[in-house]
């Protein structure tokens, strides 16, 4: 189990959680479809600057991250179509109809969609603690999204956000299958294709894109909330699996709700406190999960990002390479028992 994955997925959730309330501000001046394109364009530009800077500084190691292969293209294409184009457009169209706080908290349904697809379609295992945690977090999202003043949901806006969560649930499971590849490269390709597609659609629809500070704000938000956040999430997927990464990512709605209450002119509601308690209980259940049983690993030769302290990579390097790196290496057939999650080396079911 990689402890760094905890940091990656939580940091990713925090960065993405900021996107809903800040996009609510930007959407006053930028149409939803155009804003979706600018957010992913910002992700591409930000990560491109990072890549160029890393090369110029000479900080790229000889064992660079595993690159994409031909067999990865269908998974990447599915990820771009669902999570890069469909998801953001549906989310921002919904955001134009309901409050930033409501949208932030409805983001919790992404974890539910990811988990259901991971377990029912891709056969990831899930213990009772994880199901209980996910149930608590889902109840928190629904509970907090209720508006006591109106006594109802805004149906169209809520359905659009729900559609976005299903798109991102599919996206997370598609990306899980290429999570051992270079996360920066994946995020850059996704940002470029998604940005061009959404901006092209915006131009075809005759939507205006303001050439002022609002545009710069959208690009910066995209660089952090869609670019860096996506890279961190892909790294976490490789070690946690789609179900658990999605469950931890359910912190994003909580972050978004707090920021919404702070920066948007929306009244605080009494339902926020009990919802926060449910969310916290869900996190405690997830962190306390232990999954261990006797399992077998077949002989395998592959390349992916890895370290040498996870119990599956005992090889060394003559040049002293340490930390996270990538190269082609061999795993001998072995059988053992240890605590593990459905990461890249543990994708068996029960």
Protein backbone atom coordinates (compact mmCIF):
# COMPACT_ATOMS: atom_id res chain seq x y z
CA UNK A 1 0.00 0.00 0.00
CA UNK A 2 1.51 3.34 -1.06
CA UNK A 3 1.07 6.07 1.57
CA UNK A 4 1.83 8.71 -1.05
CA UNK A 5 -1.41 7.74 -2.77
CA UNK A 6 -3.36 9.09 0.23
CA UNK A 7 -1.74 12.50 -0.18
CA UNK A 8 -2.24 12.46 -3.95
CA UNK A 9 -5.96 11.73 -3.87
CA UNK A 10 -6.71 14.13 -1.01
CA UNK A 11 -4.72 16.95 -2.67
CA UNK A 12 -6.52 16.18 -5.93
CA UNK A 13 -9.88 16.40 -4.16
CA UNK A 14 -9.00 19.74 -2.58
CA UNK A 15 -7.93 21.26 -5.89
CA UNK A 16 -10.98 19.96 -7.75
CA UNK A 17 -13.28 20.97 -4.90
CA UNK A 18 -12.29 24.58 -5.55
CA UNK A 19 -13.52 24.37 -9.14
CA UNK A 20 -17.29 24.47 -8.51
CA UNK A 21 -17.51 27.69 -6.45
CA UNK A 22 -14.85 29.49 -8.50
CA UNK A 23 -16.49 28.38 -11.77
CA UNK A 24 -19.78 29.74 -10.42
CA UNK A 25 -18.11 33.17 -10.35
CA UNK A 26 -16.61 32.80 -13.84
CA UNK A 27 -19.82 31.51 -15.40
CA UNK A 28 -21.39 34.94 -14.95
CA UNK A 29 -19.20 36.16 -17.84
CA UNK A 30 -18.38 32.97 -19.77
CA UNK A 31 -20.91 30.53 -21.27
CA UNK A 32 -20.73 26.99 -19.78
CA UNK A 33 -19.48 25.26 -22.96
CA UNK A 34 -16.78 27.90 -23.49
CA UNK A 35 -15.74 27.74 -19.84
CA UNK A 36 -15.39 23.95 -20.05
CA UNK A 37 -13.00 24.41 -22.97
CA UNK A 38 -10.98 27.10 -21.20
CA UNK A 39 -10.61 24.98 -18.05
CA UNK A 40 -9.11 22.09 -20.00
CA UNK A 41 -7.04 24.44 -22.14
CA UNK A 42 -5.62 25.82 -18.89
CA UNK A 43 -4.83 22.27 -17.77
CA UNK A 44 -2.92 21.63 -21.01
CA UNK A 45 -1.00 24.92 -20.89
CA UNK A 46 -0.09 24.62 -17.21
CA UNK A 47 1.21 21.07 -17.53
CA UNK A 48 3.05 21.93 -20.75
CA UNK A 49 4.92 24.74 -18.98
CA UNK A 50 5.75 22.27 -16.20
CA UNK A 51 7.07 19.69 -18.68
CA UNK A 52 9.20 22.21 -20.58
CA UNK A 53 10.58 23.63 -17.32
CA UNK A 54 11.49 20.17 -16.07
CA UNK A 55 13.38 19.39 -19.26
CA UNK A 56 15.27 22.67 -19.27
CA UNK A 57 16.27 22.26 -15.62
CA UNK A 58 17.59 18.76 -16.28
CA UNK A 59 15.39 17.21 -13.59
CA UNK A 60 14.15 14.39 -15.83
CA UNK A 61 15.74 11.10 -14.76
CA UNK A 62 16.92 8.33 -17.05
CA UNK A 63 13.98 6.28 -15.78
CA UNK A 64 11.21 8.63 -16.91
CA UNK A 65 7.54 7.83 -16.47
CA UNK A 66 6.06 5.01 -18.56
CA UNK A 67 4.74 6.32 -21.86
CA UNK A 68 1.46 5.45 -23.54
CA UNK A 69 1.19 2.47 -25.89
CA UNK A 70 -1.15 1.63 -28.77
CA UNK A 71 -3.31 -0.62 -26.56
CA UNK A 72 -3.93 2.34 -24.20
CA UNK A 73 -5.60 4.50 -26.88
CA UNK A 74 -9.17 3.15 -26.47
CA UNK A 75 -9.08 3.77 -22.69
CA UNK A 76 -7.67 7.27 -23.20
CA UNK A 77 -10.27 8.07 -25.88
CA UNK A 78 -13.06 6.92 -23.58
CA UNK A 79 -11.64 9.04 -20.77
CA UNK A 80 -11.48 12.14 -22.99
CA UNK A 81 -15.00 11.73 -24.38
CA UNK A 82 -16.68 11.09 -21.01
CA UNK A 83 -14.56 13.05 -18.54
CA UNK A 84 -12.99 15.70 -20.73
CA UNK A 85 -15.97 16.73 -22.85
CA UNK A 86 -19.27 15.32 -21.54
CA UNK A 87 -18.63 15.70 -17.81
CA UNK A 88 -17.46 19.35 -17.68
CA UNK A 89 -20.16 20.59 -20.08
CA UNK A 90 -22.95 18.90 -18.10
CA UNK A 91 -21.50 20.15 -14.81
CA UNK A 92 -21.23 23.77 -15.92
CA UNK A 93 -24.69 23.75 -17.52
CA UNK A 94 -26.02 22.51 -14.19
CA UNK A 95 -23.96 25.09 -12.31
CA UNK A 96 -25.72 27.83 -14.29
CA UNK A 97 -29.06 26.62 -12.89
CA UNK A 98 -28.44 25.82 -9.21
CA UNK A 99 -26.32 27.22 -6.40
CA UNK A 100 -22.59 26.67 -6.10
CA UNK A 101 -23.06 25.03 -2.71
CA UNK A 102 -25.59 22.54 -4.10
CA UNK A 103 -23.36 21.66 -7.05
CA UNK A 104 -20.33 21.28 -4.80
CA UNK A 105 -22.14 18.80 -2.62
CA UNK A 106 -23.72 16.91 -5.50
CA UNK A 107 -20.15 16.21 -6.67
CA UNK A 108 -20.24 13.53 -3.99
CA UNK A 109 -22.22 11.37 -6.41
CA UNK A 110 -19.09 10.99 -8.56
CA UNK A 111 -17.68 8.66 -5.90
CA UNK A 112 -20.87 6.61 -5.95
CA UNK A 113 -20.88 6.38 -9.76
CA UNK A 114 -17.18 5.45 -9.83
CA UNK A 115 -17.65 2.79 -7.16
CA UNK A 116 -20.69 1.18 -8.75
CA UNK A 117 -19.00 0.98 -12.16
CA UNK A 118 -15.74 -0.30 -10.60
CA UNK A 119 -17.46 -3.09 -8.68
CA UNK A 120 -20.25 -4.06 -11.08
CA UNK A 121 -18.36 -3.74 -14.39
CA UNK A 122 -14.64 -4.02 -13.60
CA UNK A 123 -15.05 -6.45 -10.66
CA UNK A 124 -13.01 -4.61 -8.04
CA UNK A 125 -13.50 -5.99 -4.54
CA UNK A 126 -15.16 -3.92 -1.84
CA UNK A 127 -15.46 -4.73 1.87
CA UNK A 128 -18.28 -3.75 4.20
CA UNK A 129 -16.37 -0.79 5.66
CA UNK A 130 -15.92 0.73 2.20
CA UNK A 131 -19.60 0.27 1.32
CA UNK A 132 -20.61 1.76 4.65
CA UNK A 133 -18.24 4.71 4.13
CA UNK A 134 -19.53 5.34 0.64
CA UNK A 135 -23.09 5.14 1.92
CA UNK A 136 -22.39 7.74 4.60
CA UNK A 137 -20.71 10.08 2.11
CA UNK A 138 -23.54 9.71 -0.37
CA UNK A 139 -26.12 10.44 2.34
CA UNK A 140 -24.08 13.49 3.32
CA UNK A 141 -24.11 14.78 -0.26
CA UNK A 142 -27.85 14.27 -0.70
CA UNK A 143 -28.64 15.62 2.77
CA UNK A 144 -26.58 18.74 2.27
CA UNK A 145 -27.97 19.39 -1.19
CA UNK A 146 -31.51 19.75 0.15
CA UNK A 147 -32.64 23.37 0.20
CA UNK A 148 -34.92 23.92 3.25
CA UNK A 149 -36.02 27.30 1.91
CA UNK A 150 -37.47 25.92 -1.32
CA UNK A 151 -38.22 22.45 0.00
CA UNK A 152 -37.09 20.85 -3.30
CA UNK A 153 -34.29 20.35 -5.80
CA UNK A 154 -34.00 22.29 -9.05
CA UNK A 155 -34.63 19.19 -11.20
CA UNK A 156 -32.98 20.20 -14.49
CA UNK A 157 -29.82 21.49 -12.84
CA UNK A 158 -29.55 18.46 -10.54
CA UNK A 159 -30.02 16.02 -13.43
CA UNK A 160 -27.30 17.75 -15.42
CA UNK A 161 -24.90 17.48 -12.48
CA UNK A 162 -25.88 13.82 -12.03
CA UNK A 163 -25.11 13.21 -15.73
CA UNK A 164 -21.70 14.83 -15.20
CA UNK A 165 -21.02 12.52 -12.24
CA UNK A 166 -21.86 9.44 -14.32
CA UNK A 167 -19.52 10.71 -17.06
CA UNK A 168 -16.71 11.17 -14.55
CA UNK A 169 -17.46 7.80 -12.97
CA UNK A 170 -16.88 6.20 -16.38
CA UNK A 171 -13.83 8.41 -16.89
CA UNK A 172 -12.27 7.28 -13.59
CA UNK A 173 -12.69 3.62 -14.46
CA UNK A 174 -11.31 4.08 -17.98
CA UNK A 175 -8.32 6.01 -16.64
CA UNK A 176 -7.71 3.34 -14.00
CA UNK A 177 -6.66 1.00 -16.83
CA UNK A 178 -3.86 3.36 -17.93
CA UNK A 179 -3.00 4.75 -14.49
CA UNK A 180 0.45 3.13 -14.65
CA UNK A 181 1.39 5.39 -17.58
CA UNK A 182 2.80 8.91 -17.44
CA UNK A 183 0.08 10.91 -15.64
CA UNK A 184 1.34 14.27 -16.93
CA UNK A 185 1.25 13.06 -20.54
CA UNK A 186 -2.28 11.66 -20.07
CA UNK A 187 -3.50 14.91 -18.53
CA UNK A 188 -1.87 17.02 -21.27
CA UNK A 189 -3.46 14.99 -24.07
CA UNK A 190 -6.81 15.08 -22.30
CA UNK A 191 -6.53 18.82 -21.74
CA UNK A 192 -5.59 19.56 -25.35
CA UNK A 193 -8.25 17.40 -27.02
CA UNK A 194 -11.01 18.33 -24.55
CA UNK A 195 -10.14 22.02 -24.69
CA UNK A 196 -10.12 22.16 -28.48
CA UNK A 197 -13.38 20.17 -28.73
CA UNK A 198 -15.32 22.33 -26.24
CA UNK A 199 -13.95 25.63 -27.51
CA UNK A 200 -14.69 24.57 -31.09
CA UNK A 201 -18.26 23.74 -30.09
CA UNK A 202 -18.57 27.11 -28.34
CA UNK A 203 -17.46 28.94 -31.50
CA UNK A 204 -19.88 26.92 -33.65
CA UNK A 205 -22.68 27.94 -31.27
CA UNK A 206 -21.65 31.58 -31.60
CA UNK A 207 -20.69 31.92 -27.93
CA UNK A 208 -18.36 34.78 -27.01
CA UNK A 209 -15.10 34.26 -25.14
CA UNK A 210 -14.06 37.40 -23.21
CA UNK A 211 -10.48 38.51 -23.83
CA UNK A 212 -9.84 39.94 -20.37
CA UNK A 213 -8.94 38.93 -16.82
CA UNK A 214 -11.85 36.47 -16.76
CA UNK A 215 -10.19 34.39 -19.47
CA UNK A 216 -6.91 34.38 -17.52
CA UNK A 217 -8.77 33.34 -14.37
CA UNK A 218 -10.37 30.39 -16.20
CA UNK A 219 -7.01 29.22 -17.53
CA UNK A 220 -5.36 29.44 -14.09
CA UNK A 221 -8.27 27.60 -12.46
CA UNK A 222 -8.04 24.92 -15.14
CA UNK A 223 -4.28 24.52 -14.61
CA UNK A 224 -4.79 23.70 -10.92
CA UNK A 225 -8.29 22.22 -10.57
CA UNK A 226 -8.25 20.21 -13.80
CA UNK A 227 -4.55 19.82 -14.65
CA UNK A 228 -2.60 19.25 -11.43
CA UNK A 229 -5.65 17.67 -9.80
CA UNK A 230 -5.95 15.15 -12.64
CA UNK A 231 -2.26 14.21 -12.48
CA UNK A 232 -2.50 13.56 -8.74
CA UNK A 233 -5.70 11.56 -9.19
CA UNK A 234 -4.18 9.35 -11.91
CA UNK A 235 -1.20 8.62 -9.64
CA UNK A 236 -3.58 7.67 -6.84
CA UNK A 237 -5.62 5.43 -9.17
CA UNK A 238 -2.57 3.24 -9.84
CA UNK A 239 -2.24 2.44 -6.12
CA UNK A 240 -5.79 2.61 -4.78
CA UNK A 241 -8.02 1.40 -7.61
CA UNK A 242 -11.03 3.28 -8.97
CA UNK A 243 -13.39 2.35 -6.12
CA UNK A 244 -11.23 3.60 -3.25
CA UNK A 245 -9.76 6.57 -5.11
CA UNK A 246 -13.32 7.60 -5.93
CA UNK A 247 -14.36 7.21 -2.31
CA UNK A 248 -11.50 9.36 -1.01
CA UNK A 249 -12.22 11.87 -3.77
CA UNK A 250 -15.62 12.37 -2.13
CA UNK A 251 -13.84 14.92 0.06
CA UNK A 252 -14.03 17.32 -2.91
CA UNK A 253 -17.72 18.20 -2.34
CA UNK A 254 -17.00 19.04 1.27
CA UNK A 255 -14.15 21.36 0.26
CA UNK A 256 -16.30 22.95 -2.43
CA UNK A 257 -19.16 23.56 -0.01
CA UNK A 258 -16.90 25.30 2.50
CA UNK A 259 -15.43 27.56 -0.19
CA UNK A 260 -18.90 28.25 -1.62
CA UNK A 261 -20.13 29.45 1.75
CA UNK A 262 -17.06 31.67 2.04
CA UNK A 263 -16.95 33.30 -1.41
CA UNK A 264 -20.50 33.12 -2.81
CA UNK A 265 -23.48 35.22 -1.67
CA UNK A 266 -25.41 32.14 -0.58
CA UNK A 267 -26.86 31.72 2.93
CA UNK A 268 -25.48 29.10 5.31
CA UNK A 269 -27.95 26.31 6.06
CA UNK A 270 -28.46 24.22 9.19
CA UNK A 271 -28.07 20.98 7.22
CA UNK A 272 -24.37 21.69 6.70
CA UNK A 273 -23.27 20.59 10.21
CA UNK A 274 -24.83 17.09 10.27
CA UNK A 275 -23.73 16.57 6.66
CA UNK A 276 -20.15 17.35 7.65
CA UNK A 277 -20.34 14.76 10.45
CA UNK A 278 -21.52 12.07 8.00
CA UNK A 279 -18.67 12.94 5.64
CA UNK A 280 -16.08 12.71 8.43
CA UNK A 281 -17.41 9.32 9.60
CA UNK A 282 -17.08 8.02 6.06
CA UNK A 283 -13.42 9.06 5.90
CA UNK A 284 -12.69 7.33 9.22
CA UNK A 285 -14.20 4.08 7.94
CA UNK A 286 -12.17 4.19 4.72
CA UNK A 287 -8.84 4.93 6.36
CA UNK A 288 -9.36 2.08 8.82
CA UNK A 289 -9.96 -0.57 6.14
CA UNK A 290 -7.62 -3.59 6.04
CA UNK A 291 -7.86 -5.99 3.10
CA UNK A 292 -5.54 -9.02 3.26
CA UNK A 293 -5.71 -12.61 1.99
CA UNK A 294 -3.54 -15.24 0.36
CA UNK A 295 -3.13 -14.39 -3.33
CA UNK A 296 -0.97 -15.35 -6.28
CA UNK A 297 0.93 -13.17 -8.76
CA UNK A 298 1.67 -14.59 -12.21
CA UNK A 299 5.01 -13.81 -13.86
CA UNK A 300 4.77 -10.36 -15.44
CA UNK A 301 7.02 -8.05 -17.47
CA UNK A 302 5.84 -4.45 -17.74
CA UNK A 303 6.76 -0.78 -17.29
CA UNK A 304 5.07 1.65 -14.92
CA UNK A 305 5.77 4.23 -12.22
CA UNK A 306 6.97 2.47 -9.06
CA UNK A 307 9.19 2.68 -5.98
CA UNK A 308 11.16 -0.04 -4.19
CA UNK A 309 9.40 -0.12 -0.82
CA UNK A 310 6.01 -1.58 -1.69
CA UNK A 311 6.90 -5.27 -1.45
CA UNK A 312 6.65 -5.86 -5.20
CA UNK A 313 9.74 -4.11 -6.54
CA UNK A 314 12.88 -5.44 -4.84
CA UNK A 315 15.23 -4.87 -7.78
CA UNK A 316 18.02 -2.29 -7.60
CA UNK A 317 19.76 0.11 -9.97
CA UNK A 318 23.49 0.50 -10.51
CA UNK A 319 23.09 4.26 -10.82
CA UNK A 320 21.37 4.47 -7.43
CA UNK A 321 17.95 5.44 -8.80
CA UNK A 322 15.42 5.72 -5.97
CA UNK A 323 11.98 7.21 -5.40
CA UNK A 324 9.20 7.06 -7.99
CA UNK A 325 10.50 6.09 -11.45
CA UNK A 326 9.57 3.93 -14.45
CA UNK A 327 11.26 1.31 -16.61
CA UNK A 328 10.52 -2.17 -17.93
CA UNK A 329 11.03 -4.78 -15.21
CA UNK A 330 10.10 -8.37 -14.42
CA UNK A 331 8.01 -9.81 -11.59
CA UNK A 332 8.58 -13.46 -10.81
CA UNK A 333 5.61 -15.68 -9.97
CA UNK A 334 4.91 -15.52 -6.25
CA UNK A 335 2.28 -16.26 -3.61
CA UNK A 336 1.95 -14.31 -0.34
CA UNK A 337 -0.33 -12.58 2.14
CA UNK A 338 -0.25 -8.86 2.90
CA UNK A 339 -2.55 -5.87 3.26
CA UNK A 340 -3.35 -4.49 -0.20
CA UNK A 341 -5.86 -2.54 -2.25
CA UNK A 342 -6.82 -3.10 -5.92
CA UNK A 343 -3.77 -1.33 -7.30
CA UNK A 344 -1.93 -2.20 -10.49
CA UNK A 345 -0.57 -5.43 -8.94
CA UNK A 346 -3.81 -6.50 -7.22
CA UNK A 347 -6.75 -6.49 -9.62
CA UNK A 348 -8.17 -9.84 -8.66
CA UNK A 349 -11.76 -10.24 -7.46
CA UNK A 350 -13.43 -12.54 -4.93
